[in-house]
N, C-alpha and C. Protein backbone atom coordinates (compact mmCIF):
# COMPACT_ATOMS: atom_id res chain seq x y z
N MET A 1 -60.42 -7.31 -13.47
CA MET A 1 -61.28 -7.04 -15.37
C MET A 1 -62.23 -6.08 -15.51
N THR A 2 -62.73 -5.03 -16.39
CA THR A 2 -63.67 -3.98 -16.43
C THR A 2 -64.52 -5.29 -16.99
N ARG A 3 -66.26 -5.07 -16.68
CA ARG A 3 -66.80 -4.70 -17.12
C ARG A 3 -68.35 -4.01 -17.14
N VAL A 4 -68.83 -4.52 -18.76
CA VAL A 4 -69.40 -3.63 -19.13
C VAL A 4 -71.31 -3.83 -18.31
N VAL A 5 -71.12 -3.10 -17.73
CA VAL A 5 -72.58 -2.85 -17.27
C VAL A 5 -74.22 -2.55 -17.61
N ASN A 6 -73.90 -1.66 -18.69
CA ASN A 6 -75.10 -1.65 -19.52
C ASN A 6 -74.36 -1.22 -20.98
N VAL A 7 -75.44 -2.11 -22.00
CA VAL A 7 -75.72 -1.68 -23.10
C VAL A 7 -76.59 -1.35 -23.73
N GLN A 8 -76.16 -0.24 -25.15
CA GLN A 8 -77.64 -0.18 -25.48
C GLN A 8 -77.34 0.01 -27.48
N ALA A 9 -78.16 -0.33 -27.66
CA ALA A 9 -77.79 -0.17 -29.75
C ALA A 9 -78.08 0.61 -29.99
N LYS A 10 -77.35 1.50 -31.09
CA LYS A 10 -77.85 2.54 -31.37
C LYS A 10 -77.85 2.33 -33.47
N PRO A 11 -78.40 3.39 -33.64
CA PRO A 11 -78.38 2.98 -35.41
C PRO A 11 -77.50 2.84 -35.97
N GLY A 12 -76.84 2.38 -37.16
CA GLY A 12 -75.98 2.78 -37.77
C GLY A 12 -74.50 1.08 -36.37
N TYR A 13 -75.46 0.34 -36.74
CA TYR A 13 -74.49 -1.09 -35.79
C TYR A 13 -73.68 -0.80 -35.01
N ILE A 14 -73.50 0.56 -33.65
CA ILE A 14 -73.05 1.44 -32.58
C ILE A 14 -73.51 0.64 -31.57
N LEU A 15 -72.35 0.24 -30.71
CA LEU A 15 -72.99 -0.31 -29.12
C LEU A 15 -72.49 1.05 -28.32
N ASP A 16 -73.98 1.51 -28.07
CA ASP A 16 -73.03 3.10 -26.18
C ASP A 16 -72.96 1.59 -24.78
N LEU A 17 -72.48 1.97 -24.47
CA LEU A 17 -71.64 0.70 -23.15
C LEU A 17 -71.28 1.81 -22.04
N THR A 18 -71.75 1.73 -21.06
CA THR A 18 -71.03 1.56 -19.75
C THR A 18 -70.41 0.89 -19.24
N PHE A 19 -69.24 1.23 -18.37
CA PHE A 19 -68.28 0.34 -17.50
C PHE A 19 -68.34 0.70 -16.70
N ASP A 20 -67.53 -0.66 -15.93
CA ASP A 20 -67.97 -0.61 -14.32
C ASP A 20 -67.14 -0.11 -13.29
N ASP A 21 -66.10 1.29 -14.07
CA ASP A 21 -65.16 1.83 -13.36
C ASP A 21 -66.01 3.34 -14.66
N GLY A 22 -67.63 3.70 -14.61
CA GLY A 22 -67.89 4.77 -14.91
C GLY A 22 -68.14 4.94 -16.28
N THR A 23 -66.87 4.12 -16.99
CA THR A 23 -65.76 4.66 -18.17
C THR A 23 -67.39 4.78 -19.68
N ARG A 24 -67.32 5.46 -20.21
CA ARG A 24 -68.69 5.31 -21.25
C ARG A 24 -68.08 5.48 -22.73
N GLY A 25 -68.73 5.10 -23.28
CA GLY A 25 -68.49 5.57 -25.23
C GLY A 25 -68.80 4.67 -25.92
N GLU A 26 -68.10 4.37 -27.12
CA GLU A 26 -68.85 3.77 -28.28
C GLU A 26 -68.82 3.38 -29.18
N VAL A 27 -68.38 2.09 -29.61
CA VAL A 27 -68.17 1.20 -30.70
C VAL A 27 -69.29 1.29 -32.26
N ASP A 28 -68.10 1.29 -33.00
CA ASP A 28 -68.93 0.80 -34.71
C ASP A 28 -68.37 -0.21 -34.18
N LEU A 29 -69.34 -1.28 -34.70
CA LEU A 29 -69.52 -3.23 -35.06
C LEU A 29 -69.99 -3.26 -36.73
N CYS A 30 -69.88 -1.75 -37.61
CA CYS A 30 -71.11 -1.69 -38.29
C CYS A 30 -69.53 -2.78 -39.76
N ASP A 31 -68.64 -3.10 -39.49
CA ASP A 31 -67.06 -3.64 -40.15
C ASP A 31 -67.16 -5.05 -39.48
N ARG A 32 -67.29 -5.69 -38.85
CA ARG A 32 -67.07 -6.71 -38.09
C ARG A 32 -68.20 -7.73 -37.76
N LEU A 33 -69.41 -7.03 -38.46
CA LEU A 33 -70.81 -8.72 -38.57
C LEU A 33 -70.90 -8.77 -39.72
N PHE A 34 -69.35 -10.15 -39.60
CA PHE A 34 -69.26 -11.11 -40.61
C PHE A 34 -69.04 -12.68 -39.85
N GLY A 35 -69.26 -13.92 -40.86
CA GLY A 35 -69.78 -15.22 -40.05
C GLY A 35 -70.30 -15.39 -39.18
N PRO A 36 -70.42 -16.68 -39.23
CA PRO A 36 -72.19 -17.10 -38.55
C PRO A 36 -72.67 -17.17 -37.82
N MET A 37 -71.53 -16.46 -36.69
CA MET A 37 -71.95 -15.96 -35.40
C MET A 37 -72.74 -14.10 -35.13
N PHE A 38 -71.78 -14.15 -36.10
CA PHE A 38 -72.18 -12.39 -36.50
C PHE A 38 -72.68 -11.78 -37.71
N GLU A 39 -72.92 -12.10 -38.64
CA GLU A 39 -74.20 -11.83 -39.49
C GLU A 39 -75.76 -11.69 -39.19
N PRO A 40 -76.71 -13.09 -38.42
CA PRO A 40 -77.34 -12.18 -37.96
C PRO A 40 -77.70 -10.90 -37.32
N LEU A 41 -76.60 -10.06 -36.98
CA LEU A 41 -76.94 -9.11 -36.22
C LEU A 41 -76.97 -7.63 -37.02
N LYS A 42 -76.48 -8.41 -38.74
CA LYS A 42 -77.02 -7.59 -39.87
C LYS A 42 -78.74 -6.44 -39.29
N ASP A 43 -79.67 -7.48 -39.39
CA ASP A 43 -80.49 -7.75 -38.72
C ASP A 43 -80.86 -6.74 -38.28
N PRO A 44 -80.87 -4.84 -37.74
CA PRO A 44 -80.76 -4.67 -37.11
C PRO A 44 -82.30 -4.62 -35.81
N ASP A 45 -83.34 -4.96 -35.84
CA ASP A 45 -84.39 -5.32 -35.22
C ASP A 45 -83.40 -6.40 -34.79
N TYR A 46 -82.86 -7.66 -34.73
CA TYR A 46 -82.03 -8.70 -34.09
C TYR A 46 -80.54 -7.65 -33.17
N PHE A 47 -80.23 -6.70 -33.92
CA PHE A 47 -78.64 -6.33 -32.91
C PHE A 47 -79.00 -5.29 -31.47
N ALA A 48 -80.97 -4.79 -31.97
CA ALA A 48 -80.83 -4.80 -30.94
C ALA A 48 -81.29 -5.23 -29.43
N GLN A 49 -81.19 -6.87 -29.57
CA GLN A 49 -81.60 -7.11 -28.66
C GLN A 49 -80.34 -8.07 -27.85
N VAL A 50 -78.52 -6.40 -28.13
CA VAL A 50 -78.46 -7.11 -27.59
C VAL A 50 -78.34 -6.99 -25.47
N SER A 51 -77.73 -7.74 -24.93
CA SER A 51 -77.29 -7.31 -23.33
C SER A 51 -76.06 -8.18 -23.30
N VAL A 52 -76.14 -7.87 -21.88
CA VAL A 52 -75.15 -7.37 -20.90
C VAL A 52 -75.15 -9.25 -20.10
N ASP A 53 -74.03 -10.04 -19.91
CA ASP A 53 -73.93 -11.43 -19.11
C ASP A 53 -73.74 -11.02 -17.77
N GLU A 54 -73.75 -12.67 -17.14
CA GLU A 54 -73.39 -12.17 -15.74
C GLU A 54 -72.13 -12.17 -15.52
N PHE A 55 -70.84 -11.75 -17.03
CA PHE A 55 -69.75 -11.60 -16.51
C PHE A 55 -69.42 -10.47 -17.60
N GLY A 56 -70.07 -9.90 -17.52
CA GLY A 56 -69.99 -8.20 -17.79
C GLY A 56 -69.56 -7.96 -19.52
N ALA A 57 -69.80 -9.06 -20.03
CA ALA A 57 -70.10 -9.67 -21.69
C ALA A 57 -71.35 -8.44 -22.56
N VAL A 58 -71.04 -8.81 -23.48
CA VAL A 58 -72.02 -8.03 -24.67
C VAL A 58 -72.30 -9.10 -25.01
N CYS A 59 -73.88 -9.77 -25.47
CA CYS A 59 -73.97 -10.84 -25.78
C CYS A 59 -75.79 -10.85 -26.34
N TRP A 60 -75.67 -11.70 -27.77
CA TRP A 60 -76.85 -11.38 -28.16
C TRP A 60 -78.21 -12.87 -27.85
N PRO A 61 -78.45 -13.49 -27.95
CA PRO A 61 -79.87 -14.32 -28.22
C PRO A 61 -79.08 -15.48 -28.89
N ASN A 62 -78.10 -15.41 -29.57
CA ASN A 62 -77.97 -16.18 -30.34
C ASN A 62 -76.34 -17.08 -30.40
N GLU A 63 -75.87 -16.33 -29.07
CA GLU A 63 -74.64 -16.51 -28.23
C GLU A 63 -74.10 -15.62 -28.23
N ALA A 64 -74.08 -14.81 -29.81
CA ALA A 64 -72.32 -13.96 -30.28
C ALA A 64 -72.66 -12.89 -28.69
N ASP A 65 -70.67 -13.34 -28.34
CA ASP A 65 -70.56 -12.33 -27.66
C ASP A 65 -69.63 -11.09 -27.95
N LEU A 66 -69.23 -10.59 -26.89
CA LEU A 66 -67.79 -9.40 -27.29
C LEU A 66 -67.36 -9.30 -25.96
N ALA A 67 -65.93 -9.56 -25.65
CA ALA A 67 -65.69 -9.55 -25.24
C ALA A 67 -65.52 -7.72 -23.77
N PRO A 68 -65.70 -7.67 -22.28
CA PRO A 68 -66.05 -6.95 -22.52
C PRO A 68 -64.13 -5.70 -22.37
N ASP A 69 -63.24 -6.07 -21.85
CA ASP A 69 -61.88 -5.91 -22.32
C ASP A 69 -61.37 -5.26 -23.54
N ALA A 70 -62.22 -6.14 -24.44
CA ALA A 70 -61.55 -6.00 -25.97
C ALA A 70 -62.24 -4.15 -25.97
N LEU A 71 -63.67 -4.34 -25.17
CA LEU A 71 -64.99 -3.64 -26.25
C LEU A 71 -63.82 -1.71 -24.96
N TYR A 72 -62.98 -2.07 -23.86
CA TYR A 72 -63.07 -1.06 -23.42
C TYR A 72 -61.47 -0.58 -24.00
N ARG A 73 -61.28 -1.42 -24.98
CA ARG A 73 -60.07 -0.76 -25.00
C ARG A 73 -60.15 -0.16 -26.39
N LYS A 74 -61.20 -0.05 -27.33
CA LYS A 74 -61.13 0.40 -27.88
C LYS A 74 -62.26 1.35 -27.48
N VAL A 75 -62.82 1.64 -25.99
CA VAL A 75 -63.30 2.53 -25.92
C VAL A 75 -62.57 4.11 -25.27
N THR A 76 -61.75 3.27 -24.80
CA THR A 76 -60.26 4.38 -24.34
C THR A 76 -59.40 4.65 -25.50
N GLU A 77 -58.97 3.96 -26.52
CA GLU A 77 -58.02 4.12 -27.07
C GLU A 77 -57.84 5.24 -28.20
N HIS A 78 -58.94 5.70 -28.03
CA HIS A 78 -58.83 7.24 -29.02
C HIS A 78 -58.58 8.22 -27.76
């Protein structure tokens, strides 16, 4: 399983991701920030608090998270 090793929030709800195999790319989340877990991420300052957990998943302080395999598919599907 591929893991995220680095993530940075960019303006417009975009994540700049680096994976453990060296793959790098961006994922736009602007259309995915809905529901009780992801609604708080609409605040740009909160969105910027993104990090990588011990499993290589992208996460935020409110326990919202994104699976690394789904993000990898998004980055490599282009």
